[in-house]
């Protein structure tokens, strides 16, 4: 029985590690080599959260999904900073950028676990859970857009707001898989985006882009 459980866990955990490593390296390459404002794609949290959600979908099991999602984000953060140093051995602050990488690891553990559990709920739950999970993913994407439009993005950078905002709507519309689910997902998405984004702005909470 133990060997069977280990075998069941090995594949999703391997997928989580690989997905995180690829995400971290691709994000760093986007930051370094894409022209502005396309380079900001590598700094957005949306793709990271969506990756954790997708890992949860693949994992299916909710308890294992939490571990897989956390592992994905930790792997992504480590890969990002290792690639940063590999491309520039003289990079400011070394691998951890004088400790700045540590908060991303902590946030990644929490956010990755939560989004992966939502992915598992979307995969194995009923239509209501599918709708709520899709809505919360859409809300996370939308909240980031609200904050960055208010604080940082200007001019051509607003193109990214349109793209990620559109992605949030598509997620809420397609993932529920039913008309009733779409309505719930859109309500949950808009509501959670407004609450989370508004709270971050009102309390002046940090939402820094990865350096």
Protein backbone atom coordinates (compact mmCIF):
# COMPACT_ATOMS: atom_id res chain seq x y z
CA UNK A 1 0.00 0.00 0.00
CA UNK A 2 2.80 2.39 0.93
CA UNK A 3 4.61 1.73 -2.33
CA UNK A 4 1.39 2.34 -4.26
CA UNK A 5 0.86 5.68 -2.52
CA UNK A 6 4.44 6.69 -3.23
CA UNK A 7 4.01 5.78 -6.88
CA UNK A 8 0.83 7.84 -7.08
CA UNK A 9 2.56 10.83 -5.52
CA UNK A 10 5.79 10.58 -7.50
CA UNK A 11 4.37 11.58 -10.87
CA UNK A 12 2.47 14.74 -9.82
CA UNK A 13 5.39 15.88 -7.68
CA UNK A 14 7.77 15.37 -10.61
CA UNK A 15 5.38 17.34 -12.83
CA UNK A 16 5.27 20.09 -10.20
CA UNK A 17 9.06 20.34 -10.05
CA UNK A 18 9.42 20.40 -13.83
CA UNK A 19 6.60 22.91 -14.35
CA UNK A 20 8.06 25.24 -11.74
CA UNK A 21 11.57 25.04 -13.16
CA UNK A 22 10.36 25.80 -16.68
CA UNK A 23 8.19 28.66 -15.43
CA UNK A 24 11.03 30.27 -13.51
CA UNK A 25 13.51 30.10 -16.38
CA UNK A 26 11.00 31.31 -18.98
CA UNK A 27 10.01 34.22 -16.73
CA UNK A 28 13.64 35.25 -16.33
CA UNK A 29 14.30 35.00 -20.08
CA UNK A 30 11.23 37.15 -20.77
CA UNK A 31 12.46 39.80 -18.33
CA UNK A 32 15.95 39.82 -19.80
CA UNK A 33 15.36 39.54 -23.52
CA UNK A 34 11.88 40.75 -24.47
CA UNK A 35 11.45 44.45 -25.32
CA UNK A 36 9.44 46.70 -23.03
CA UNK A 37 6.58 46.35 -22.18
CA UNK A 38 6.54 42.68 -23.28
CA UNK A 39 9.32 42.00 -20.76
CA UNK A 40 6.81 42.68 -17.97
CA UNK A 41 5.15 39.37 -18.84
CA UNK A 42 7.98 37.70 -16.96
CA UNK A 43 7.19 39.67 -13.81
CA UNK A 44 3.45 39.08 -13.64
CA UNK A 45 2.07 36.85 -10.92
CA UNK A 46 -0.84 35.71 -13.09
CA UNK A 47 1.08 33.09 -15.10
CA UNK A 48 2.59 31.72 -11.88
CA UNK A 49 -0.83 31.31 -10.25
CA UNK A 50 -2.25 29.77 -13.42
CA UNK A 51 0.61 27.26 -13.49
CA UNK A 52 -0.10 26.21 -9.90
CA UNK A 53 -3.79 25.86 -10.78
CA UNK A 54 -2.88 23.66 -13.76
CA UNK A 55 -0.64 21.48 -11.58
CA UNK A 56 -3.60 20.98 -9.26
CA UNK A 57 -5.74 19.93 -12.21
CA UNK A 58 -3.18 17.30 -13.16
CA UNK A 59 -2.75 16.14 -9.55
CA UNK A 60 -6.51 15.71 -8.87
CA UNK A 61 -6.06 14.68 -5.22
CA UNK A 62 -6.69 17.78 -3.09
CA UNK A 63 -4.20 17.03 -0.31
CA UNK A 64 -1.47 16.10 -2.73
CA UNK A 65 -2.40 19.14 -4.84
CA UNK A 66 -1.49 21.49 -1.99
CA UNK A 67 1.99 19.97 -1.78
CA UNK A 68 2.37 19.94 -5.56
CA UNK A 69 1.34 23.59 -5.89
CA UNK A 70 3.72 24.73 -3.17
CA UNK A 71 6.51 22.70 -4.74
CA UNK A 72 5.80 24.26 -8.13
CA UNK A 73 6.15 27.80 -6.84
CA UNK A 74 9.27 27.05 -4.79
CA UNK A 75 10.82 25.38 -7.81
CA UNK A 76 9.90 28.37 -9.97
CA UNK A 77 11.38 30.92 -7.58
CA UNK A 78 14.62 28.95 -7.19
CA UNK A 79 14.91 28.43 -10.96
CA UNK A 80 14.29 32.14 -11.59
CA UNK A 81 17.06 33.32 -9.30
CA UNK A 82 19.53 30.61 -10.32
CA UNK A 83 18.97 31.51 -13.98
CA UNK A 84 19.42 35.17 -13.07
CA UNK A 85 22.85 34.49 -11.64
CA UNK A 86 23.74 32.07 -14.45
CA UNK A 87 23.13 34.80 -17.02
CA UNK A 88 24.97 37.40 -14.96
CA UNK A 89 27.41 36.15 -12.36
CA UNK A 90 27.79 39.72 -11.10
CA UNK A 91 24.05 40.16 -10.58
CA UNK A 92 23.15 42.50 -7.73
CA UNK A 93 22.83 40.77 -4.36
CA UNK A 94 23.79 37.27 -5.47
CA UNK A 95 21.33 34.39 -5.76
CA UNK A 96 18.88 35.68 -3.14
CA UNK A 97 19.27 39.37 -4.07
CA UNK A 98 20.27 40.09 -0.47
CA UNK A 99 17.33 38.18 0.91
CA UNK A 100 14.66 39.58 -1.41
CA UNK A 101 14.00 36.10 -2.82
CA UNK A 102 12.92 34.76 0.58
CA UNK A 103 9.53 36.56 0.70
CA UNK A 104 8.71 35.16 -2.75
CA UNK A 105 9.41 31.66 -1.47
CA UNK A 106 7.05 32.20 1.47
CA UNK A 107 4.30 33.72 -0.67
CA UNK A 108 4.85 31.01 -3.26
CA UNK A 109 4.28 28.26 -0.71
CA UNK A 110 0.92 29.73 0.29
CA UNK A 111 -0.33 30.93 -3.09
CA UNK A 112 0.87 27.83 -4.92
CA UNK A 113 -0.80 25.48 -2.46
CA UNK A 114 -4.07 27.41 -2.56
CA UNK A 115 -4.27 27.68 -6.34
CA UNK A 116 -3.38 24.02 -6.83
CA UNK A 117 -6.15 22.98 -4.45
CA UNK A 118 -8.55 25.08 -6.54
CA UNK A 119 -7.29 23.27 -9.63
CA UNK A 120 -7.95 19.90 -8.00
CA UNK A 121 -11.43 21.04 -6.95
CA UNK A 122 -12.10 22.17 -10.50
CA UNK A 123 -11.04 18.75 -11.79
CA UNK A 124 -12.86 16.54 -9.31
CA UNK A 125 -15.66 18.67 -7.87
CA UNK A 126 -19.23 19.23 -9.02
CA UNK A 127 -20.33 22.08 -11.24
CA UNK A 128 -20.51 24.54 -8.33
CA UNK A 129 -16.94 23.83 -7.29
CA UNK A 130 -15.82 24.15 -10.89
CA UNK A 131 -17.49 27.54 -11.09
CA UNK A 132 -16.07 28.81 -7.80
CA UNK A 133 -12.55 27.56 -8.59
CA UNK A 134 -12.64 29.19 -12.02
CA UNK A 135 -13.98 32.41 -10.52
CA UNK A 136 -11.25 32.60 -7.89
CA UNK A 137 -8.55 32.04 -10.50
CA UNK A 138 -10.10 34.77 -12.64
CA UNK A 139 -10.29 37.01 -9.58
CA UNK A 140 -6.61 36.52 -8.81
CA UNK A 141 -5.72 37.56 -12.34
CA UNK A 142 -8.04 40.54 -12.16
CA UNK A 143 -6.84 41.72 -8.75
CA UNK A 144 -3.28 41.98 -10.02
CA UNK A 145 -4.47 44.07 -12.97
CA UNK A 146 -6.38 46.44 -10.68
CA UNK A 147 -3.37 47.00 -8.43
CA UNK A 148 -0.80 47.43 -11.17
CA UNK A 149 -3.02 49.75 -13.21
CA UNK A 150 -3.40 51.93 -10.13
CA UNK A 151 0.25 51.87 -9.08
CA UNK A 152 2.58 51.22 -11.96
CA UNK A 153 1.32 50.62 -15.47
CA UNK A 154 1.21 53.56 -17.84
CA UNK A 155 1.03 54.07 -21.60
CA UNK A 156 1.83 50.95 -23.60
CA UNK A 157 2.01 48.92 -20.40
CA UNK A 158 -1.78 49.09 -20.26
CA UNK A 159 -1.81 46.61 -23.16
CA UNK A 160 -0.84 44.00 -20.57
CA UNK A 161 -3.81 45.03 -18.47
CA UNK A 162 -6.11 44.37 -21.40
CA UNK A 163 -4.48 41.00 -22.09
CA UNK A 164 -4.56 39.74 -18.51
CA UNK A 165 -8.00 41.20 -17.88
CA UNK A 166 -9.24 39.45 -21.00
CA UNK A 167 -7.62 36.22 -19.83
CA UNK A 168 -9.50 36.53 -16.53
CA UNK A 169 -12.82 36.84 -18.36
CA UNK A 170 -12.00 33.89 -20.61
CA UNK A 171 -11.15 31.75 -17.57
CA UNK A 172 -14.45 32.63 -15.88
CA UNK A 173 -16.37 31.97 -19.09
CA UNK A 174 -14.80 28.74 -20.33
CA UNK A 175 -13.64 26.74 -17.31
CA UNK A 176 -17.02 26.34 -15.54
CA UNK A 177 -18.37 24.33 -18.49
CA UNK A 178 -22.03 25.29 -17.98
CA UNK A 179 -24.25 28.34 -18.24
CA UNK A 180 -25.04 28.37 -14.53
CA UNK A 181 -21.37 27.91 -13.73
CA UNK A 182 -20.37 30.85 -15.91
CA UNK A 183 -22.66 33.20 -14.04
CA UNK A 184 -21.24 32.10 -10.70
CA UNK A 185 -17.66 32.27 -11.96
CA UNK A 186 -18.12 35.78 -13.33
CA UNK A 187 -19.68 36.99 -10.07
CA UNK A 188 -16.98 35.33 -7.94
CA UNK A 189 -14.28 36.59 -10.27
CA UNK A 190 -15.35 40.23 -10.36
CA UNK A 191 -16.16 40.24 -6.65
CA UNK A 192 -12.91 38.65 -5.48
CA UNK A 193 -10.83 40.84 -7.82
CA UNK A 194 -12.48 43.98 -6.44
CA UNK A 195 -12.14 42.89 -2.80
CA UNK A 196 -8.53 41.68 -3.02
CA UNK A 197 -7.35 44.48 -5.28
CA UNK A 198 -9.15 47.11 -3.25
CA UNK A 199 -7.78 45.75 0.02
CA UNK A 200 -4.19 45.78 -1.28
CA UNK A 201 -4.58 49.38 -2.43
CA UNK A 202 -6.44 50.58 0.66
CA UNK A 203 -3.92 49.07 3.08
CA UNK A 204 -0.98 49.92 0.82
CA UNK A 205 0.17 46.30 0.91
CA UNK A 206 3.23 45.39 -1.13
CA UNK A 207 2.76 43.78 -4.53
CA UNK A 208 6.24 43.95 -5.94
CA UNK A 209 7.36 42.64 -9.27
CA UNK A 210 10.15 40.07 -9.20
CA UNK A 211 13.43 41.96 -9.76
